[in-house]
Structures are given as C-alpha cells and as structure tokens.
Amino acid sequence: MTKRTIMEMAREVNCMRITDYYTSGTVLAFSDDQLEAFAELVREDERNRTWTQQHWTDYERGIAAAEREECLNCYSPDDTATDWADKIKARGQA
C-alpha cells in the first residue's frame, strides 16, 4: 500500500491533517467513527489486492535469499555433507 493510497483513504473518511509542532510534520487525526471507516477501507484494499507473477517471484526470491543466509550462518569448515544434511533437516523440524 502506498502513501498516496493511504492519504486517499484518509481523505475519503474526512480525517483532519494537523501539524505536529515537535517534528514540523503533518499527522492525521481521526474520530472513532472515522478511524473505524478508515480501517474498513484498509481491510477492503487488502482483500482486493491481487498479486502478479512478479510479486510471487520477488516473494520466492526473498525466501530463497533468507534460506541461503541461514545456511551460511550454520557453516563450519569441518562440516561434512552429512552434517549439512542433518542441519537442513533440523531446520525443517524447528
């Protein structure tokens, strides 16, 4: 979800923008009803989001990269192929 999408949702429920004098930034202020309406818009957006093939490819690459990193963290110069197999099996059972 992009910042633009969030701001559009906030406008849709008529929330107020307030200047935060401590950070000189802008914050959004919601009443209870506005906050619930905003939360419903977010839930609806999540339900309607469609992942493209590129989303899935990036997701799978991220998982593979994390797995490689974990394997490197377990590496020991004295390990044999059997040691590696045992470590991989142990990770699968964790």
Protein backbone atom coordinates (compact mmCIF):
# COMPACT_ATOMS: atom_id res chain seq x y z
CA MET A 1 0.00 0.00 0.00
CA THR A 2 1.46 3.33 -1.00
CA LYS A 3 1.44 6.60 0.93
CA ARG A 4 -0.78 8.04 -1.79
CA THR A 5 -3.35 5.27 -1.31
CA ILE A 6 -3.36 5.83 2.45
CA MET A 7 -3.85 9.57 2.01
CA GLU A 8 -6.72 8.99 -0.42
CA MET A 9 -8.39 6.70 2.11
CA ALA A 10 -7.90 9.29 4.86
CA ARG A 11 -9.50 11.97 2.67
CA GLU A 12 -12.39 9.65 1.92
CA VAL A 13 -13.28 9.43 5.62
CA ASN A 14 -12.70 13.20 6.13
CA CYS A 15 -9.92 12.94 8.68
CA MET A 16 -8.11 16.11 9.72
CA ARG A 17 -4.48 16.92 9.00
CA ILE A 18 -2.74 18.53 11.95
CA THR A 19 0.75 20.00 12.06
CA ASP A 20 2.94 18.36 14.66
CA TYR A 21 4.97 21.24 16.06
CA TYR A 22 7.58 18.94 17.61
CA THR A 23 8.56 17.35 14.30
CA SER A 24 7.22 20.03 11.93
CA GLY A 25 5.44 17.21 10.14
CA THR A 26 1.81 16.52 9.46
CA VAL A 27 -0.21 13.94 11.37
CA LEU A 28 -3.68 12.63 10.69
CA ALA A 29 -6.40 12.93 13.34
CA PHE A 30 -9.38 10.58 13.31
CA SER A 31 -12.56 10.45 15.36
CA ASP A 32 -13.57 6.95 16.49
CA ASP A 33 -16.07 6.65 13.63
CA GLN A 34 -13.55 7.92 11.08
CA LEU A 35 -10.94 5.51 12.36
CA GLU A 36 -13.31 2.56 12.01
CA ALA A 37 -14.26 3.67 8.48
CA PHE A 38 -10.57 4.05 7.61
CA ALA A 39 -9.79 0.58 9.00
CA GLU A 40 -12.59 -0.88 6.86
CA LEU A 41 -11.12 0.77 3.75
CA VAL A 42 -7.72 -0.74 4.57
CA ARG A 43 -9.27 -4.20 5.08
CA GLU A 44 -11.15 -3.88 1.79
CA ASP A 45 -7.98 -2.85 -0.03
CA GLU A 46 -6.13 -5.88 1.38
CA ARG A 47 -8.94 -8.23 0.34
CA ASN A 48 -8.93 -6.82 -3.19
CA ARG A 49 -5.17 -6.78 -3.71
CA THR A 50 -4.05 -9.13 -6.45
CA TRP A 51 -0.54 -10.42 -6.61
CA THR A 52 1.02 -10.54 -10.04
CA GLN A 53 3.56 -13.13 -11.13
CA GLN A 54 6.27 -10.57 -10.35
CA HIS A 55 5.01 -10.28 -6.74
CA TRP A 56 5.26 -14.06 -6.33
CA THR A 57 8.69 -14.20 -7.96
CA ASP A 58 10.02 -11.48 -5.65
CA TYR A 59 8.46 -13.23 -2.64
CA GLU A 60 10.04 -16.57 -3.55
CA ARG A 61 13.43 -14.96 -4.18
CA GLY A 62 13.23 -13.32 -0.76
CA ILE A 63 12.55 -16.68 0.87
CA ALA A 64 15.45 -18.30 -1.01
CA ALA A 65 17.80 -15.47 -0.01
CA ALA A 66 16.81 -15.83 3.66
CA GLU A 67 17.39 -19.58 3.46
CA ARG A 68 20.84 -19.08 1.91
CA GLU A 69 21.71 -16.61 4.66
CA GLU A 70 20.66 -19.09 7.34
CA CYS A 71 22.73 -21.82 5.70
CA LEU A 72 25.78 -19.54 5.71
CA ASN A 73 25.24 -18.80 9.39
CA CYS A 74 25.44 -22.56 10.12
CA TYR A 75 28.58 -23.12 8.04
CA SER A 76 31.60 -24.68 9.65
CA PRO A 77 34.77 -25.61 7.71
CA ASP A 78 34.76 -29.01 9.41
CA ASP A 79 31.24 -29.93 8.23
CA THR A 80 30.71 -32.93 6.01
CA ALA A 81 27.82 -33.41 3.59
CA THR A 82 26.08 -35.48 6.27
CA ASP A 83 26.46 -32.63 8.77
CA TRP A 84 24.86 -30.25 6.27
CA ALA A 85 22.00 -32.68 5.65
CA ASP A 86 21.42 -33.03 9.40
CA LYS A 87 21.36 -29.25 9.84
CA ILE A 88 18.88 -28.80 6.98
CA LYS A 89 16.63 -31.49 8.44
CA ALA A 90 16.83 -29.89 11.87
CA ARG A 91 15.82 -26.50 10.44
CA GLY A 92 12.81 -28.09 8.77
CA GLN A 93 11.69 -29.50 12.13
CA ALA A 94 12.19 -26.28 14.08
